[in-house]
Amino acid sequence: ASAHDITNQVYAHKPPELLGAAFIQVI
């Protein structure tokens, strides 16, 4: 899985405006 795939799976509950920070945390 890519980092984007993982973010969308693990942080699916986050609102769109917080997904950027979630992506950085996945990295």
PDB file of all heavy atoms in Angstrom:
ATOM      1  N   ALA A   1       0.841  -1.191   0.000  1.00  0.00           N
ATOM      2  CA  ALA A   1       0.000   0.000   0.000  1.00  0.00           C
ATOM      3  C   ALA A   1       0.876   1.240   0.000  1.00  0.00           C
ATOM      4  O   ALA A   1       1.983   1.243   0.553  1.00  0.00           O
ATOM      5  CB  ALA A   1      -0.929   0.012   1.209  1.00  0.00           C
ATOM      6  N   SER A   2       0.372   2.298  -0.616  1.00  0.00           N
ATOM      7  CA  SER A   2       1.057   3.581  -0.593  1.00  0.00           C
ATOM      8  C   SER A   2       0.704   4.318   0.698  1.00  0.00           C
ATOM      9  O   SER A   2      -0.227   3.944   1.417  1.00  0.00           O
ATOM     10  CB  SER A   2       0.643   4.426  -1.791  1.00  0.00           C
ATOM     11  OG  SER A   2      -0.718   4.835  -1.664  1.00  0.00           O
ATOM     12  N   ALA A   3       1.434   5.398   0.966  1.00  0.00           N
ATOM     13  CA  ALA A   3       1.127   6.204   2.151  1.00  0.00           C
ATOM     14  C   ALA A   3      -0.272   6.798   2.052  1.00  0.00           C
ATOM     15  O   ALA A   3      -0.981   6.907   3.059  1.00  0.00           O
ATOM     16  CB  ALA A   3       2.172   7.301   2.316  1.00  0.00           C
ATOM     17  N   HIS A   4      -0.685   7.171   0.839  1.00  0.00           N
ATOM     18  CA  HIS A   4      -2.046   7.687   0.662  1.00  0.00           C
ATOM     19  C   HIS A   4      -3.088   6.599   0.952  1.00  0.00           C
ATOM     20  O   HIS A   4      -4.102   6.862   1.604  1.00  0.00           O
ATOM     21  CB  HIS A   4      -2.226   8.213  -0.770  1.00  0.00           C
ATOM     22  CG  HIS A   4      -1.675   9.584  -0.978  1.00  0.00           C
ATOM     23  ND1 HIS A   4      -2.213  10.705  -0.386  1.00  0.00           N
ATOM     24  CD2 HIS A   4      -0.613  10.018  -1.710  1.00  0.00           C
ATOM     25  CE1 HIS A   4      -1.520  11.778  -0.742  1.00  0.00           C
ATOM     26  NE2 HIS A   4      -0.547  11.389  -1.543  1.00  0.00           N
ATOM     27  N   ASP A   5      -2.826   5.377   0.493  1.00  0.00           N
ATOM     28  CA  ASP A   5      -3.744   4.267   0.767  1.00  0.00           C
ATOM     29  C   ASP A   5      -3.900   4.055   2.275  1.00  0.00           C
ATOM     30  O   ASP A   5      -5.006   3.864   2.786  1.00  0.00           O
ATOM     31  CB  ASP A   5      -3.242   2.974   0.130  1.00  0.00           C
ATOM     32  CG  ASP A   5      -3.222   3.030  -1.390  1.00  0.00           C
ATOM     33  OD1 ASP A   5      -4.017   3.792  -1.958  1.00  0.00           O
ATOM     34  OD2 ASP A   5      -2.399   2.301  -1.995  1.00  0.00           O
ATOM     35  N   ILE A   6      -2.778   4.066   2.961  1.00  0.00           N
ATOM     36  CA  ILE A   6      -2.788   3.830   4.408  1.00  0.00           C
ATOM     37  C   ILE A   6      -3.540   4.951   5.121  1.00  0.00           C
ATOM     38  O   ILE A   6      -4.342   4.708   6.036  1.00  0.00           O
ATOM     39  CB  ILE A   6      -1.349   3.708   4.943  1.00  0.00           C
ATOM     40  CG1 ILE A   6      -0.644   2.504   4.304  1.00  0.00           C
ATOM     41  CG2 ILE A   6      -1.346   3.581   6.465  1.00  0.00           C
ATOM     42  CD1 ILE A   6       0.853   2.472   4.553  1.00  0.00           C
ATOM     43  N   THR A   7      -3.292   6.199   4.708  1.00  0.00           N
ATOM     44  CA  THR A   7      -3.977   7.344   5.317  1.00  0.00           C
ATOM     45  C   THR A   7      -5.483   7.220   5.161  1.00  0.00           C
ATOM     46  O   THR A   7      -6.246   7.411   6.121  1.00  0.00           O
ATOM     47  CB  THR A   7      -3.492   8.657   4.681  1.00  0.00           C
ATOM     48  OG1 THR A   7      -2.072   8.768   4.829  1.00  0.00           O
ATOM     49  CG2 THR A   7      -4.166   9.857   5.341  1.00  0.00           C
ATOM     50  N   ASN A   8      -5.924   6.894   3.957  1.00  0.00           N
ATOM     51  CA  ASN A   8      -7.361   6.788   3.703  1.00  0.00           C
ATOM     52  C   ASN A   8      -8.004   5.646   4.474  1.00  0.00           C
ATOM     53  O   ASN A   8      -9.189   5.706   4.811  1.00  0.00           O
ATOM     54  CB  ASN A   8      -7.608   6.618   2.202  1.00  0.00           C
ATOM     55  CG  ASN A   8      -7.253   7.863   1.421  1.00  0.00           C
ATOM     56  OD1 ASN A   8      -7.300   8.977   1.948  1.00  0.00           O
ATOM     57  ND2 ASN A   8      -6.885   7.691   0.162  1.00  0.00           N
ATOM     58  N   GLN A   9      -7.217   4.622   4.777  1.00  0.00           N
ATOM     59  CA  GLN A   9      -7.743   3.488   5.533  1.00  0.00           C
ATOM     60  C   GLN A   9      -7.764   3.777   7.033  1.00  0.00           C
ATOM     61  O   GLN A   9      -8.784   3.598   7.703  1.00  0.00           O
ATOM     62  CB  GLN A   9      -6.886   2.249   5.260  1.00  0.00           C
ATOM     63  CG  GLN A   9      -7.288   1.003   6.017  1.00  0.00           C
ATOM     64  CD  GLN A   9      -8.490   0.312   5.414  1.00  0.00           C
ATOM     65  OE1 GLN A   9      -8.929   0.653   4.330  1.00  0.00           O
ATOM     66  NE2 GLN A   9      -9.039  -0.650   6.137  1.00  0.00           N
ATOM     67  N   VAL A  10      -6.655   4.241   7.563  1.00  0.00           N
ATOM     68  CA  VAL A  10      -6.510   4.408   9.011  1.00  0.00           C
ATOM     69  C   VAL A  10      -7.213   5.672   9.509  1.00  0.00           C
ATOM     70  O   VAL A  10      -7.747   5.702  10.623  1.00  0.00           O
ATOM     71  CB  VAL A  10      -5.014   4.425   9.399  1.00  0.00           C
ATOM     72  CG1 VAL A  10      -4.831   4.726  10.886  1.00  0.00           C
ATOM     73  CG2 VAL A  10      -4.367   3.087   9.051  1.00  0.00           C
ATOM     74  N   TYR A  11      -7.217   6.714   8.685  1.00  0.00           N
ATOM     75  CA  TYR A  11      -7.793   7.994   9.099  1.00  0.00           C
ATOM     76  C   TYR A  11      -9.049   8.324   8.307  1.00  0.00           C
ATOM     77  O   TYR A  11      -9.346   9.502   8.054  1.00  0.00           O
ATOM     78  CB  TYR A  11      -6.761   9.108   8.952  1.00  0.00           C
ATOM     79  CG  TYR A  11      -5.611   9.010   9.926  1.00  0.00           C
ATOM     80  CD1 TYR A  11      -4.385   8.470   9.535  1.00  0.00           C
ATOM     81  CD2 TYR A  11      -5.747   9.446  11.239  1.00  0.00           C
ATOM     82  CE1 TYR A  11      -3.325   8.372  10.433  1.00  0.00           C
ATOM     83  CE2 TYR A  11      -4.700   9.353  12.150  1.00  0.00           C
ATOM     84  CZ  TYR A  11      -3.491   8.817  11.726  1.00  0.00           C
ATOM     85  OH  TYR A  11      -2.450   8.731  12.618  1.00  0.00           O
ATOM     86  N   ALA A  12      -9.819   7.300   7.937  1.00  0.00           N
ATOM     87  CA  ALA A  12     -11.037   7.520   7.153  1.00  0.00           C
ATOM     88  C   ALA A  12     -12.043   8.385   7.907  1.00  0.00           C
ATOM     89  O   ALA A  12     -12.891   9.044   7.284  1.00  0.00           O
ATOM     90  CB  ALA A  12     -11.665   6.174   6.794  1.00  0.00           C
ATOM     91  N   HIS A  13     -11.959   8.420   9.226  1.00  0.00           N
ATOM     92  CA  HIS A  13     -12.910   9.185  10.026  1.00  0.00           C
ATOM     93  C   HIS A  13     -12.576  10.665  10.087  1.00  0.00           C
ATOM     94  O   HIS A  13     -13.390  11.468  10.572  1.00  0.00           O
ATOM     95  CB  HIS A  13     -12.930   8.632  11.451  1.00  0.00           C
ATOM     96  CG  HIS A  13     -11.594   8.727  12.144  1.00  0.00           C
ATOM     97  ND1 HIS A  13     -10.527   7.898  11.814  1.00  0.00           N
ATOM     98  CD2 HIS A  13     -11.149   9.546  13.134  1.00  0.00           C
ATOM     99  CE1 HIS A  13      -9.496   8.193  12.581  1.00  0.00           C
ATOM    100  NE2 HIS A  13      -9.841   9.194  13.376  1.00  0.00           N
ATOM    101  N   LYS A  14     -11.393  11.062   9.608  1.00  0.00           N
ATOM    102  CA  LYS A  14     -10.981  12.451   9.688  1.00  0.00           C
ATOM    103  C   LYS A  14     -11.682  13.297   8.628  1.00  0.00           C
ATOM    104  O   LYS A  14     -11.881  12.840   7.501  1.00  0.00           O
ATOM    105  CB  LYS A  14      -9.467  12.572   9.507  1.00  0.00           C
ATOM    106  CG  LYS A  14      -8.627  11.949  10.613  1.00  0.00           C
ATOM    107  CD  LYS A  14      -8.633  12.803  11.867  1.00  0.00           C
ATOM    108  CE  LYS A  14      -7.657  12.269  12.904  1.00  0.00           C
ATOM    109  NZ  LYS A  14      -7.699  13.050  14.158  1.00  0.00           N
ATOM    110  N   PRO A  15     -12.031  14.544   8.953  1.00  0.00           N
ATOM    111  CA  PRO A  15     -12.573  15.432   7.927  1.00  0.00           C
ATOM    112  C   PRO A  15     -11.500  15.764   6.893  1.00  0.00           C
ATOM    113  O   PRO A  15     -10.297  15.692   7.196  1.00  0.00           O
ATOM    114  CB  PRO A  15     -12.998  16.678   8.716  1.00  0.00           C
ATOM    115  CG  PRO A  15     -12.187  16.636   9.967  1.00  0.00           C
ATOM    116  CD  PRO A  15     -11.972  15.191  10.279  1.00  0.00           C
ATOM    117  N   PRO A  16     -11.894  16.128   5.681  1.00  0.00           N
ATOM    118  CA  PRO A  16     -10.922  16.359   4.596  1.00  0.00           C
ATOM    119  C   PRO A  16      -9.833  17.370   4.948  1.00  0.00           C
ATOM    120  O   PRO A  16      -8.679  17.199   4.550  1.00  0.00           O
ATOM    121  CB  PRO A  16     -11.802  16.865   3.449  1.00  0.00           C
ATOM    122  CG  PRO A  16     -13.148  16.291   3.725  1.00  0.00           C
ATOM    123  CD  PRO A  16     -13.286  16.253   5.210  1.00  0.00           C
ATOM    124  N   GLU A  17     -10.184  18.405   5.726  1.00  0.00           N
ATOM    125  CA  GLU A  17      -9.196  19.442   6.029  1.00  0.00           C
ATOM    126  C   GLU A  17      -8.091  18.949   6.956  1.00  0.00           C
ATOM    127  O   GLU A  17      -7.049  19.608   7.089  1.00  0.00           O
ATOM    128  CB  GLU A  17      -9.870  20.673   6.641  1.00  0.00           C
ATOM    129  CG  GLU A  17     -10.553  20.443   7.975  1.00  0.00           C
ATOM    130  CD  GLU A  17     -12.011  20.031   7.844  1.00  0.00           C
ATOM    131  OE1 GLU A  17     -12.413  19.574   6.747  1.00  0.00           O
ATOM    132  OE2 GLU A  17     -12.740  20.157   8.851  1.00  0.00           O
ATOM    133  N   LEU A  18      -8.272  17.785   7.588  1.00  0.00           N
ATOM    134  CA  LEU A  18      -7.250  17.244   8.491  1.00  0.00           C
ATOM    135  C   LEU A  18      -6.467  16.088   7.870  1.00  0.00           C
ATOM    136  O   LEU A  18      -5.546  15.565   8.494  1.00  0.00           O
ATOM    137  CB  LEU A  18      -7.898  16.771   9.790  1.00  0.00           C
ATOM    138  CG  LEU A  18      -8.553  17.851  10.656  1.00  0.00           C
ATOM    139  CD1 LEU A  18      -9.124  17.247  11.923  1.00  0.00           C
ATOM    140  CD2 LEU A  18      -7.563  18.963  10.996  1.00  0.00           C
ATOM    141  N   LEU A  19      -6.801  15.707   6.643  1.00  0.00           N
ATOM    142  CA  LEU A  19      -6.130  14.560   6.039  1.00  0.00           C
ATOM    143  C   LEU A  19      -4.685  14.856   5.666  1.00  0.00           C
ATOM    144  O   LEU A  19      -3.854  13.950   5.611  1.00  0.00           O
ATOM    145  CB  LEU A  19      -6.915  14.082   4.809  1.00  0.00           C
ATOM    146  CG  LEU A  19      -8.223  13.341   5.126  1.00  0.00           C
ATOM    147  CD1 LEU A  19      -8.927  12.935   3.846  1.00  0.00           C
ATOM    148  CD2 LEU A  19      -7.946  12.109   5.995  1.00  0.00           C
ATOM    149  N   GLY A  20      -4.367  16.124   5.403  1.00  0.00           N
ATOM    150  CA  GLY A  20      -2.971  16.472   5.124  1.00  0.00           C
ATOM    151  C   GLY A  20      -2.077  16.199   6.315  1.00  0.00           C
ATOM    152  O   GLY A  20      -1.006  15.591   6.187  1.00  0.00           O
ATOM    153  N   ALA A  21      -2.528  16.624   7.496  1.00  0.00           N
ATOM    154  CA  ALA A  21      -1.769  16.351   8.723  1.00  0.00           C
ATOM    155  C   ALA A  21      -1.724  14.859   9.009  1.00  0.00           C
ATOM    156  O   ALA A  21      -0.698  14.330   9.463  1.00  0.00           O
ATOM    157  CB  ALA A  21      -2.387  17.100   9.900  1.00  0.00           C
ATOM    158  N   ALA A  22      -2.838  14.163   8.733  1.00  0.00           N
ATOM    159  CA  ALA A  22      -2.869  12.712   8.937  1.00  0.00           C
ATOM    160  C   ALA A  22      -1.868  12.018   8.020  1.00  0.00           C
ATOM    161  O   ALA A  22      -1.179  11.069   8.429  1.00  0.00           O
ATOM    162  CB  ALA A  22      -4.280  12.181   8.691  1.00  0.00           C
ATOM    163  N   PHE A  23      -1.767  12.490   6.776  1.00  0.00           N
ATOM    164  CA  PHE A  23      -0.817  11.911   5.831  1.00  0.00           C
ATOM    165  C   PHE A  23       0.617  12.072   6.334  1.00  0.00           C
ATOM    166  O   PHE A  23       1.424  11.124   6.282  1.00  0.00           O
ATOM    167  CB  PHE A  23      -0.972  12.580   4.462  1.00  0.00           C
ATOM    168  CG  PHE A  23       0.017  12.125   3.436  1.00  0.00           C
ATOM    169  CD1 PHE A  23      -0.183  10.948   2.730  1.00  0.00           C
ATOM    170  CD2 PHE A  23       1.159  12.871   3.167  1.00  0.00           C
ATOM    171  CE1 PHE A  23       0.733  10.523   1.775  1.00  0.00           C
ATOM    172  CE2 PHE A  23       2.078  12.457   2.215  1.00  0.00           C
ATOM    173  CZ  PHE A  23       1.857  11.281   1.518  1.00  0.00           C
ATOM    174  N   ILE A  24       0.939  13.254   6.832  1.00  0.00           N
ATOM    175  CA  ILE A  24       2.283  13.497   7.371  1.00  0.00           C
ATOM    176  C   ILE A  24       2.554  12.557   8.546  1.00  0.00           C
ATOM    177  O   ILE A  24       3.651  12.010   8.693  1.00  0.00           O
ATOM    178  CB  ILE A  24       2.436  14.972   7.787  1.00  0.00           C
ATOM    179  CG1 ILE A  24       2.410  15.866   6.544  1.00  0.00           C
ATOM    180  CG2 ILE A  24       3.728  15.188   8.572  1.00  0.00           C
ATOM    181  CD1 ILE A  24       2.364  17.348   6.864  1.00  0.00           C
ATOM    182  N   GLN A  25       1.540  12.352   9.388  1.00  0.00           N
ATOM    183  CA  GLN A  25       1.732  11.455  10.521  1.00  0.00           C
ATOM    184  C   GLN A  25       1.916  10.013  10.071  1.00  0.00           C
ATOM    185  O   GLN A  25       2.697   9.260  10.670  1.00  0.00           O
ATOM    186  CB  GLN A  25       0.553  11.567  11.487  1.00  0.00           C
ATOM    187  CG  GLN A  25       0.863  11.080  12.884  1.00  0.00           C
ATOM    188  CD  GLN A  25       1.893  11.959  13.597  1.00  0.00           C
ATOM    189  OE1 GLN A  25       1.627  12.542  14.616  1.00  0.00           O
ATOM    190  NE2 GLN A  25       3.103  12.063  13.084  1.00  0.00           N
ATOM    191  N   VAL A  26       1.231   9.605   9.006  1.00  0.00           N
ATOM    192  CA  VAL A  26       1.431   8.266   8.456  1.00  0.00           C
ATOM    193  C   VAL A  26       2.867   8.098   7.984  1.00  0.00           C
ATOM    194  O   VAL A  26       3.486   7.038   8.201  1.00  0.00           O
ATOM    195  CB  VAL A  26       0.428   7.992   7.305  1.00  0.00           C
ATOM    196  CG1 VAL A  26       0.876   6.792   6.468  1.00  0.00           C
ATOM    197  CG2 VAL A  26      -0.955   7.735   7.875  1.00  0.00           C
ATOM    198  N   ILE A  27       3.427   9.133   7.352  1.00  0.00           N
ATOM    199  CA  ILE A  27       4.828   9.062   6.932  1.00  0.00           C
ATOM    200  C   ILE A  27       5.730   8.829   8.138  1.00  0.00           C
ATOM    201  O   ILE A  27       6.672   8.019   8.098  1.00  0.00           O
ATOM    202  CB  ILE A  27       5.243  10.341   6.185  1.00  0.00           C
ATOM    203  CG1 ILE A  27       4.437  10.506   4.893  1.00  0.00           C
ATOM    204  CG2 ILE A  27       6.733  10.342   5.894  1.00  0.00           C
ATOM    205  CD1 ILE A  27       4.622   9.384   3.901  1.00  0.00           C
TER     206      ILE A  27
END
